[in-house]
Protein backbone atom coordinates (compact mmCIF):
# COMPACT_ATOMS: atom_id res chain seq x y z
CA MET A 1 -16.99 1.19 -7.97
CA ALA A 2 -19.65 -0.95 -9.62
CA GLU A 3 -23.07 -1.64 -8.14
CA LYS A 4 -23.30 -3.58 -4.90
CA LYS A 5 -23.95 -7.28 -5.28
CA VAL A 6 -24.40 -9.77 -2.49
CA SER A 7 -22.56 -13.08 -2.74
CA ASP A 8 -22.65 -15.95 -0.32
CA VAL A 9 -19.37 -17.70 0.47
CA VAL A 10 -18.77 -20.75 2.63
CA LEU A 11 -16.18 -20.85 5.40
CA ARG A 12 -14.29 -24.10 4.87
CA PRO A 13 -12.97 -26.30 7.70
CA LYS A 14 -9.50 -24.69 7.44
CA ARG A 15 -11.11 -21.21 7.68
CA GLN A 16 -10.72 -20.63 3.95
CA ILE A 17 -13.17 -18.96 1.59
CA THR A 18 -13.34 -18.67 -2.18
CA LEU A 19 -14.09 -15.22 -3.51
CA PRO A 20 -16.51 -15.20 -6.44
CA ARG A 21 -15.01 -14.06 -9.76
CA GLU A 22 -17.34 -11.04 -9.86
CA ILE A 23 -15.97 -9.76 -6.55
CA CYS A 24 -12.38 -10.32 -7.68
CA ASP A 25 -13.13 -8.46 -10.90
CA GLN A 26 -14.64 -5.53 -8.97
CA LEU A 27 -11.57 -5.38 -6.71
CA GLY A 28 -9.15 -5.85 -9.59
CA VAL A 29 -7.43 -8.81 -7.92
CA GLY A 30 -6.41 -12.26 -9.00
CA PRO A 31 -4.56 -15.31 -7.75
CA GLY A 32 -1.51 -14.37 -5.69
CA ASP A 33 -2.67 -10.84 -4.86
CA VAL A 34 -2.66 -9.85 -1.19
CA LEU A 35 -5.77 -8.47 0.50
CA GLU A 36 -5.76 -6.41 3.68
CA MET A 37 -8.69 -7.51 5.84
CA THR A 38 -10.24 -5.68 8.76
CA VAL A 39 -13.41 -6.12 10.79
CA GLU A 40 -15.79 -3.18 11.32
CA ASP A 41 -19.09 -3.67 13.12
CA TYR A 42 -19.31 -7.39 12.28
CA ALA A 43 -18.42 -6.71 8.62
CA ILE A 44 -15.25 -7.92 6.91
CA ILE A 45 -13.57 -5.25 4.82
CA ALA A 46 -11.16 -6.63 2.21
CA ARG A 47 -8.96 -4.15 0.35
CA PRO A 48 -6.30 -5.01 -2.22
CA ARG A 49 -2.89 -4.31 -0.65
CA LYS A 50 -1.75 -2.59 -3.86
CA ILE A 51 -4.57 -0.05 -3.40
CA VAL A 52 -3.53 0.53 0.22
CA ALA A 53 0.06 1.16 -0.94
CA LEU A 54 -1.06 3.58 -3.66
CA GLU A 55 -3.16 5.51 -1.14
CA ALA A 56 -0.16 5.78 1.19
CA LEU A 57 2.00 7.03 -1.68
CA LYS A 58 -0.62 9.70 -2.51
CA GLU A 59 -0.60 10.83 1.13
CA ILE A 60 3.21 11.13 1.07
CA GLN A 61 3.10 13.11 -2.18
CA GLN A 62 0.46 15.46 -0.76
CA ALA A 63 2.55 15.98 2.40
CA PHE A 64 5.55 16.99 0.26
CA GLN A 65 3.41 19.37 -1.77
CA ARG A 66 2.13 21.00 1.42
CA SER A 67 5.67 21.27 2.84
CA GLY A 68 7.00 23.17 -0.17
CA VAL A 69 10.07 20.89 -0.38
CA THR A 70 10.88 19.93 -3.96
CA GLU A 71 12.01 16.47 -5.04
CA GLU A 72 15.37 17.96 -6.07
CA GLU A 73 15.87 19.51 -2.62
CA LEU A 74 15.02 16.21 -0.97
CA GLN A 75 17.46 14.30 -3.18
CA GLU A 76 20.26 16.82 -2.61
CA THR A 77 19.76 16.67 1.16
CA GLY A 78 19.82 12.86 0.97
CA ARG A 79 23.11 12.96 -0.96
CA ARG A 80 24.70 15.29 1.61
CA VAL A 81 23.56 13.16 4.53
CA ARG A 82 24.73 9.94 2.83
CA LEU A 83 28.15 11.52 2.12
CA GLY A 84 28.46 12.61 5.74
CA VAL A 85 27.53 9.17 7.07
CA THR A 86 29.95 7.48 4.67
CA LYS A 87 32.81 9.79 5.72
CA GLU A 88 31.98 9.25 9.39
CA ARG A 89 31.78 5.46 9.18
CA TYR A 90 34.48 4.67 6.64
CA GLY A 91 36.61 7.79 6.40
CA VAL A 92 36.14 7.82 2.62
CA LYS A 93 34.23 9.89 0.14
CA ALA A 94 31.16 8.23 -1.46
């Protein structure tokens, strides 16, 4: 990430703030993007939700790699389970 810069923002009467363009550029966000906000030791941490989702996806991919299960095996198991559920519920073949 780029160098740290300090920016002052004002908390408006409706508890709204405007993020400076430089901060938005550093985060890679724009109007309409969702930020996940947390508080740690009196500091607000704002993370783009799309980054949080990508990190979760990486964790899932790493878990599959560690498990030794291939994508093809996972898909085949899903097909078998779906077929079984369909037969059980509807008495038909999917």
